[in-house]
Amino acid sequence: MSEKTLPLESNAPTLYCSRCKCEVTYTVAPLDHKKELMRTIITCGIWLPMWLLMSFARTRTCNQCGNAIDPS
């Protein structure tokens, strides 16, 4: 039985995946800001720089193979 591939939607964002060797759609995992706020409060602000880095440097994941995609 052969695998069928679905056509990409015209408005779906795509990036090149080095593992799949083609343009693929990707997802970005949401960040739980309530949990990050609690970590920042519990650590008296020490977690704040990490929270900011996590907010601005989001990891894109290939929908076909699950590999992290470098946007450059």
PDB file of N, CA and C in Angstrom:
ATOM      1  N   MET A   1       0.844  -1.172   0.000  1.00  0.00           N
ATOM      2  CA  MET A   1       0.000   0.000   0.000  1.00  0.00           C
ATOM      3  C   MET A   1       0.892   1.239   0.000  1.00  0.00           C
ATOM      4  N   SER A   2       0.669   2.146  -0.908  1.00  0.00           N
ATOM      5  CA  SER A   2       1.498   3.347  -0.983  1.00  0.00           C
ATOM      6  C   SER A   2       0.918   4.455  -0.119  1.00  0.00           C
ATOM      7  N   GLU A   3       1.814   5.286   0.389  1.00  0.00           N
ATOM      8  CA  GLU A   3       1.397   6.408   1.217  1.00  0.00           C
ATOM      9  C   GLU A   3       0.940   7.549   0.341  1.00  0.00           C
ATOM     10  N   LYS A   4      -0.196   8.133   0.662  1.00  0.00           N
ATOM     11  CA  LYS A   4      -0.680   9.285  -0.088  1.00  0.00           C
ATOM     12  C   LYS A   4      -0.226  10.548   0.622  1.00  0.00           C
ATOM     13  N   THR A   5       0.184  11.525  -0.159  1.00  0.00           N
ATOM     14  CA  THR A   5       0.563  12.803   0.435  1.00  0.00           C
ATOM     15  C   THR A   5      -0.514  13.810   0.120  1.00  0.00           C
ATOM     16  N   LEU A   6      -0.864  14.579   1.105  1.00  0.00           N
ATOM     17  CA  LEU A   6      -1.879  15.603   0.923  1.00  0.00           C
ATOM     18  C   LEU A   6      -1.251  16.859   0.352  1.00  0.00           C
ATOM     19  N   PRO A   7      -1.937  17.550  -0.531  1.00  0.00           N
ATOM     20  CA  PRO A   7      -1.382  18.798  -1.062  1.00  0.00           C
ATOM     21  C   PRO A   7      -1.298  19.854   0.035  1.00  0.00           C
ATOM     22  N   LEU A   8      -0.274  20.683  -0.041  1.00  0.00           N
ATOM     23  CA  LEU A   8      -0.113  21.746   0.949  1.00  0.00           C
ATOM     24  C   LEU A   8      -1.150  22.839   0.718  1.00  0.00           C
ATOM     25  N   GLU A   9      -1.666  23.371   1.784  1.00  0.00           N
ATOM     26  CA  GLU A   9      -2.573  24.502   1.652  1.00  0.00           C
ATOM     27  C   GLU A   9      -1.776  25.707   1.171  1.00  0.00           C
ATOM     28  N   SER A  10      -2.404  26.546   0.397  1.00  0.00           N
ATOM     29  CA  SER A  10      -1.683  27.686  -0.167  1.00  0.00           C
ATOM     30  C   SER A  10      -1.261  28.695   0.899  1.00  0.00           C
ATOM     31  N   ASN A  11      -1.994  28.770   2.016  1.00  0.00           N
ATOM     32  CA  ASN A  11      -1.654  29.742   3.054  1.00  0.00           C
ATOM     33  C   ASN A  11      -0.877  29.119   4.217  1.00  0.00           C
ATOM     34  N   ALA A  12      -0.561  27.827   4.152  1.00  0.00           N
ATOM     35  CA  ALA A  12       0.184  27.173   5.224  1.00  0.00           C
ATOM     36  C   ALA A  12       1.657  27.575   5.134  1.00  0.00           C
ATOM     37  N   PRO A  13       2.270  27.974   6.251  1.00  0.00           N
ATOM     38  CA  PRO A  13       3.687  28.358   6.219  1.00  0.00           C
ATOM     39  C   PRO A  13       4.574  27.143   5.993  1.00  0.00           C
ATOM     40  N   THR A  14       5.619  27.300   5.199  1.00  0.00           N
ATOM     41  CA  THR A  14       6.539  26.200   4.934  1.00  0.00           C
ATOM     42  C   THR A  14       7.974  26.659   5.128  1.00  0.00           C
ATOM     43  N   LEU A  15       8.825  25.704   5.475  1.00  0.00           N
ATOM     44  CA  LEU A  15      10.271  25.905   5.585  1.00  0.00           C
ATOM     45  C   LEU A  15      10.947  24.663   5.045  1.00  0.00           C
ATOM     46  N   TYR A  16      12.232  24.773   4.713  1.00  0.00           N
ATOM     47  CA  TYR A  16      12.992  23.630   4.219  1.00  0.00           C
ATOM     48  C   TYR A  16      13.456  22.778   5.394  1.00  0.00           C
ATOM     49  N   CYS A  17      13.159  21.492   5.340  1.00  0.00           N
ATOM     50  CA  CYS A  17      13.595  20.547   6.373  1.00  0.00           C
ATOM     51  C   CYS A  17      14.819  19.797   5.855  1.00  0.00           C
ATOM     52  N   SER A  18      15.921  19.842   6.612  1.00  0.00           N
ATOM     53  CA  SER A  18      17.156  19.184   6.171  1.00  0.00           C
ATOM     54  C   SER A  18      17.041  17.657   6.232  1.00  0.00           C
ATOM     55  N   ARG A  19      16.195  17.129   7.082  1.00  0.00           N
ATOM     56  CA  ARG A  19      16.029  15.678   7.161  1.00  0.00           C
ATOM     57  C   ARG A  19      15.118  15.163   6.036  1.00  0.00           C
ATOM     58  N   CYS A  20      14.014  15.867   5.756  1.00  0.00           N
ATOM     59  CA  CYS A  20      13.080  15.450   4.691  1.00  0.00           C
ATOM     60  C   CYS A  20      13.575  15.867   3.309  1.00  0.00           C
ATOM     61  N   LYS A  21      14.487  16.841   3.252  1.00  0.00           N
ATOM     62  CA  LYS A  21      15.039  17.362   1.999  1.00  0.00           C
ATOM     63  C   LYS A  21      13.970  17.991   1.101  1.00  0.00           C
ATOM     64  N   CYS A  22      13.000  18.680   1.701  1.00  0.00           N
ATOM     65  CA  CYS A  22      11.976  19.366   0.918  1.00  0.00           C
ATOM     66  C   CYS A  22      11.291  20.434   1.776  1.00  0.00           C
ATOM     67  N   GLU A  23      10.456  21.231   1.143  1.00  0.00           N
ATOM     68  CA  GLU A  23       9.663  22.230   1.855  1.00  0.00           C
ATOM     69  C   GLU A  23       8.540  21.510   2.588  1.00  0.00           C
ATOM     70  N   VAL A  24       8.391  21.789   3.874  1.00  0.00           N
ATOM     71  CA  VAL A  24       7.366  21.130   4.690  1.00  0.00           C
ATOM     72  C   VAL A  24       6.632  22.161   5.525  1.00  0.00           C
ATOM     73  N   THR A  25       5.452  21.801   5.966  1.00  0.00           N
ATOM     74  CA  THR A  25       4.746  22.652   6.920  1.00  0.00           C
ATOM     75  C   THR A  25       5.335  22.379   8.294  1.00  0.00           C
ATOM     76  N   TYR A  26       5.168  23.320   9.187  1.00  0.00           N
ATOM     77  CA  TYR A  26       5.742  23.179  10.515  1.00  0.00           C
ATOM     78  C   TYR A  26       4.777  23.697  11.570  1.00  0.00           C
ATOM     79  N   THR A  27       5.046  23.348  12.820  1.00  0.00           N
ATOM     80  CA  THR A  27       4.277  23.851  13.950  1.00  0.00           C
ATOM     81  C   THR A  27       5.235  24.477  14.961  1.00  0.00           C
ATOM     82  N   VAL A  28       4.690  25.384  15.742  1.00  0.00           N
ATOM     83  CA  VAL A  28       5.439  26.017  16.828  1.00  0.00           C
ATOM     84  C   VAL A  28       4.684  25.706  18.114  1.00  0.00           C
ATOM     85  N   ALA A  29       5.357  25.065  19.041  1.00  0.00           N
ATOM     86  CA  ALA A  29       4.715  24.693  20.298  1.00  0.00           C
ATOM     87  C   ALA A  29       4.374  25.941  21.103  1.00  0.00           C
ATOM     88  N   PRO A  30       3.167  26.000  21.650  1.00  0.00           N
ATOM     89  CA  PRO A  30       2.794  27.166  22.452  1.00  0.00           C
ATOM     90  C   PRO A  30       3.541  27.191  23.785  1.00  0.00           C
ATOM     91  N   LEU A  31       3.737  28.375  24.306  1.00  0.00           N
ATOM     92  CA  LEU A  31       4.424  28.552  25.585  1.00  0.00           C
ATOM     93  C   LEU A  31       3.376  28.844  26.650  1.00  0.00           C
ATOM     94  N   ASP A  32       3.438  28.124  27.758  1.00  0.00           N
ATOM     95  CA  ASP A  32       2.490  28.305  28.858  1.00  0.00           C
ATOM     96  C   ASP A  32       2.987  29.450  29.742  1.00  0.00           C
ATOM     97  N   HIS A  33       2.470  30.653  29.501  1.00  0.00           N
ATOM     98  CA  HIS A  33       2.956  31.831  30.205  1.00  0.00           C
ATOM     99  C   HIS A  33       2.587  31.829  31.694  1.00  0.00           C
ATOM    100  N   LYS A  34       1.491  31.189  32.062  1.00  0.00           N
ATOM    101  CA  LYS A  34       1.137  31.094  33.484  1.00  0.00           C
ATOM    102  C   LYS A  34       2.189  30.291  34.247  1.00  0.00           C
ATOM    103  N   LYS A  35       2.615  29.187  33.652  1.00  0.00           N
ATOM    104  CA  LYS A  35       3.638  28.345  34.289  1.00  0.00           C
ATOM    105  C   LYS A  35       4.968  29.096  34.381  1.00  0.00           C
ATOM    106  N   GLU A  36       5.317  29.832  33.324  1.00  0.00           N
ATOM    107  CA  GLU A  36       6.571  30.583  33.331  1.00  0.00           C
ATOM    108  C   GLU A  36       6.522  31.728  34.355  1.00  0.00           C
ATOM    109  N   LEU A  37       5.353  32.352  34.514  1.00  0.00           N
ATOM    110  CA  LEU A  37       5.202  33.398  35.526  1.00  0.00           C
ATOM    111  C   LEU A  37       5.390  32.824  36.928  1.00  0.00           C
ATOM    112  N   MET A  38       4.827  31.654  37.177  1.00  0.00           N
ATOM    113  CA  MET A  38       4.989  31.014  38.488  1.00  0.00           C
ATOM    114  C   MET A  38       6.459  30.673  38.746  1.00  0.00           C
ATOM    115  N   ARG A  39       7.163  30.177  37.737  1.00  0.00           N
ATOM    116  CA  ARG A  39       8.588  29.884  37.895  1.00  0.00           C
ATOM    117  C   ARG A  39       9.377  31.153  38.209  1.00  0.00           C
ATOM    118  N   THR A  40       9.016  32.249  37.550  1.00  0.00           N
ATOM    119  CA  THR A  40       9.708  33.514  37.782  1.00  0.00           C
ATOM    120  C   THR A  40       9.459  34.016  39.202  1.00  0.00           C
ATOM    121  N   ILE A  41       8.228  33.894  39.668  1.00  0.00           N
ATOM    122  CA  ILE A  41       7.895  34.342  41.032  1.00  0.00           C
ATOM    123  C   ILE A  41       8.603  33.461  42.074  1.00  0.00           C
ATOM    124  N   ILE A  42       8.563  32.151  41.873  1.00  0.00           N
ATOM    125  CA  ILE A  42       9.173  31.218  42.831  1.00  0.00           C
ATOM    126  C   ILE A  42      10.685  31.420  42.918  1.00  0.00           C
ATOM    127  N   THR A  43      11.334  31.725  41.789  1.00  0.00           N
ATOM    128  CA  THR A  43      12.789  31.903  41.789  1.00  0.00           C
ATOM    129  C   THR A  43      13.199  33.363  42.005  1.00  0.00           C
ATOM    130  N   CYS A  44      12.268  34.195  42.421  1.00  0.00           N
ATOM    131  CA  CYS A  44      12.530  35.623  42.696  1.00  0.00           C
ATOM    132  C   CYS A  44      13.138  36.339  41.476  1.00  0.00           C
ATOM    133  N   GLY A  45      12.645  36.013  40.296  1.00  0.00           N
ATOM    134  CA  GLY A  45      13.075  36.709  39.092  1.00  0.00           C
ATOM    135  C   GLY A  45      14.246  36.094  38.351  1.00  0.00           C
ATOM    136  N   ILE A  46      14.862  35.063  38.913  1.00  0.00           N
ATOM    137  CA  ILE A  46      16.019  34.456  38.261  1.00  0.00           C
ATOM    138  C   ILE A  46      15.611  33.783  36.941  1.00  0.00           C
ATOM    139  N   TRP A  47      14.381  33.277  36.861  1.00  0.00           N
ATOM    140  CA  TRP A  47      13.906  32.595  35.663  1.00  0.00           C
ATOM    141  C   TRP A  47      13.521  33.569  34.541  1.00  0.00           C
ATOM    142  N   LEU A  48      13.385  34.848  34.810  1.00  0.00           N
ATOM    143  CA  LEU A  48      12.915  35.831  33.826  1.00  0.00           C
ATOM    144  C   LEU A  48      13.741  35.870  32.542  1.00  0.00           C
ATOM    145  N   PRO A  49      15.081  35.897  32.584  1.00  0.00           N
ATOM    146  CA  PRO A  49      15.832  35.893  31.318  1.00  0.00           C
ATOM    147  C   PRO A  49      15.567  34.648  30.469  1.00  0.00           C
ATOM    148  N   MET A  50      15.430  33.495  31.106  1.00  0.00           N
ATOM    149  CA  MET A  50      15.148  32.267  30.366  1.00  0.00           C
ATOM    150  C   MET A  50      13.761  32.336  29.730  1.00  0.00           C
ATOM    151  N   TRP A  51      12.790  32.867  30.448  1.00  0.00           N
ATOM    152  CA  TRP A  51      11.430  33.015  29.935  1.00  0.00           C
ATOM    153  C   TRP A  51      11.432  33.916  28.695  1.00  0.00           C
ATOM    154  N   LEU A  52      12.173  35.010  28.769  1.00  0.00           N
ATOM    155  CA  LEU A  52      12.256  35.917  27.625  1.00  0.00           C
ATOM    156  C   LEU A  52      12.910  35.241  26.420  1.00  0.00           C
ATOM    157  N   LEU A  53      13.983  34.484  26.651  1.00  0.00           N
ATOM    158  CA  LEU A  53      14.620  33.752  25.555  1.00  0.00           C
ATOM    159  C   LEU A  53      13.667  32.739  24.934  1.00  0.00           C
ATOM    160  N   MET A  54      12.922  32.049  25.761  1.00  0.00           N
ATOM    161  CA  MET A  54      11.975  31.060  25.259  1.00  0.00           C
ATOM    162  C   MET A  54      10.846  31.719  24.477  1.00  0.00           C
ATOM    163  N   SER A  55      10.482  32.938  24.845  1.00  0.00           N
ATOM    164  CA  SER A  55       9.405  33.642  24.156  1.00  0.00           C
ATOM    165  C   SER A  55       9.824  34.114  22.772  1.00  0.00           C
ATOM    166  N   PHE A  56      11.063  34.544  22.623  1.00  0.00           N
ATOM    167  CA  PHE A  56      11.517  35.115  21.361  1.00  0.00           C
ATOM    168  C   PHE A  56      12.195  34.099  20.436  1.00  0.00           C
ATOM    169  N   ALA A  57      12.722  33.018  20.957  1.00  0.00           N
ATOM    170  CA  ALA A  57      13.399  32.007  20.138  1.00  0.00           C
ATOM    171  C   ALA A  57      12.561  30.733  20.134  1.00  0.00           C
ATOM    172  N   ARG A  58      11.482  30.746  19.392  1.00  0.00           N
ATOM    173  CA  ARG A  58      10.562  29.617  19.347  1.00  0.00           C
ATOM    174  C   ARG A  58      11.090  28.539  18.401  1.00  0.00           C
ATOM    175  N   THR A  59      10.949  27.286  18.781  1.00  0.00           N
ATOM    176  CA  THR A  59      11.414  26.159  17.973  1.00  0.00           C
ATOM    177  C   THR A  59      10.315  25.727  17.010  1.00  0.00           C
ATOM    178  N   ARG A  60      10.681  25.639  15.738  1.00  0.00           N
ATOM    179  CA  ARG A  60       9.750  25.161  14.711  1.00  0.00           C
ATOM    180  C   ARG A  60      10.018  23.670  14.497  1.00  0.00           C
ATOM    181  N   THR A  61       8.950  22.871  14.458  1.00  0.00           N
ATOM    182  CA  THR A  61       9.067  21.425  14.317  1.00  0.00           C
ATOM    183  C   THR A  61       8.406  20.969  13.020  1.00  0.00           C
ATOM    184  N   CYS A  62       9.123  20.162  12.248  1.00  0.00           N
ATOM    185  CA  CYS A  62       8.608  19.618  10.982  1.00  0.00           C
ATOM    186  C   CYS A  62       7.399  18.731  11.257  1.00  0.00           C
ATOM    187  N   ASN A  63       6.320  18.920  10.494  1.00  0.00           N
ATOM    188  CA  ASN A  63       5.119  18.100  10.675  1.00  0.00           C
ATOM    189  C   ASN A  63       5.281  16.695  10.115  1.00  0.00           C
ATOM    190  N   GLN A  64       6.260  16.456   9.258  1.00  0.00           N
ATOM    191  CA  GLN A  64       6.431  15.133   8.662  1.00  0.00           C
ATOM    192  C   GLN A  64       7.351  14.232   9.481  1.00  0.00           C
ATOM    193  N   CYS A  65       8.512  14.769   9.915  1.00  0.00           N
ATOM    194  CA  CYS A  65       9.479  13.907  10.617  1.00  0.00           C
ATOM    195  C   CYS A  65       9.686  14.273  12.085  1.00  0.00           C
ATOM    196  N   GLY A  66       9.228  15.445  12.517  1.00  0.00           N
ATOM    197  CA  GLY A  66       9.397  15.856  13.909  1.00  0.00           C
ATOM    198  C   GLY A  66      10.730  16.486  14.224  1.00  0.00           C
ATOM    199  N   ASN A  67      11.539  16.730  13.213  1.00  0.00           N
ATOM    200  CA  ASN A  67      12.852  17.337  13.383  1.00  0.00           C
ATOM    201  C   ASN A  67      12.720  18.842  13.637  1.00  0.00           C
ATOM    202  N   ALA A  68      13.610  19.406  14.433  1.00  0.00           N
ATOM    203  CA  ALA A  68      13.638  20.863  14.627  1.00  0.00           C
ATOM    204  C   ALA A  68      14.148  21.501  13.350  1.00  0.00           C
ATOM    205  N   ILE A  69      13.491  22.606  12.921  1.00  0.00           N
ATOM    206  CA  ILE A  69      13.838  23.264  11.666  1.00  0.00           C
ATOM    207  C   ILE A  69      14.517  24.594  11.964  1.00  0.00           C
ATOM    208  N   ASP A  70      15.649  24.822  11.315  1.00  0.00           N
ATOM    209  CA  ASP A  70      16.351  26.098  11.415  1.00  0.00           C
ATOM    210  C   ASP A  70      15.770  27.033  10.369  1.00  0.00           C
ATOM    211  N   PRO A  71      15.213  28.199  10.777  1.00  0.00           N
ATOM    212  CA  PRO A  71      14.543  29.077   9.815  1.00  0.00           C
ATOM    213  C   PRO A  71      15.477  29.789   8.835  1.00  0.00           C
ATOM    214  N   SER A  72      16.779  29.701   8.996  1.00  0.00           N
ATOM    215  CA  SER A  72      17.677  30.416   8.083  1.00  0.00           C
ATOM    216  C   SER A  72      17.925  29.677   6.798  1.00  0.00           C
TER     217      SER A  72
END
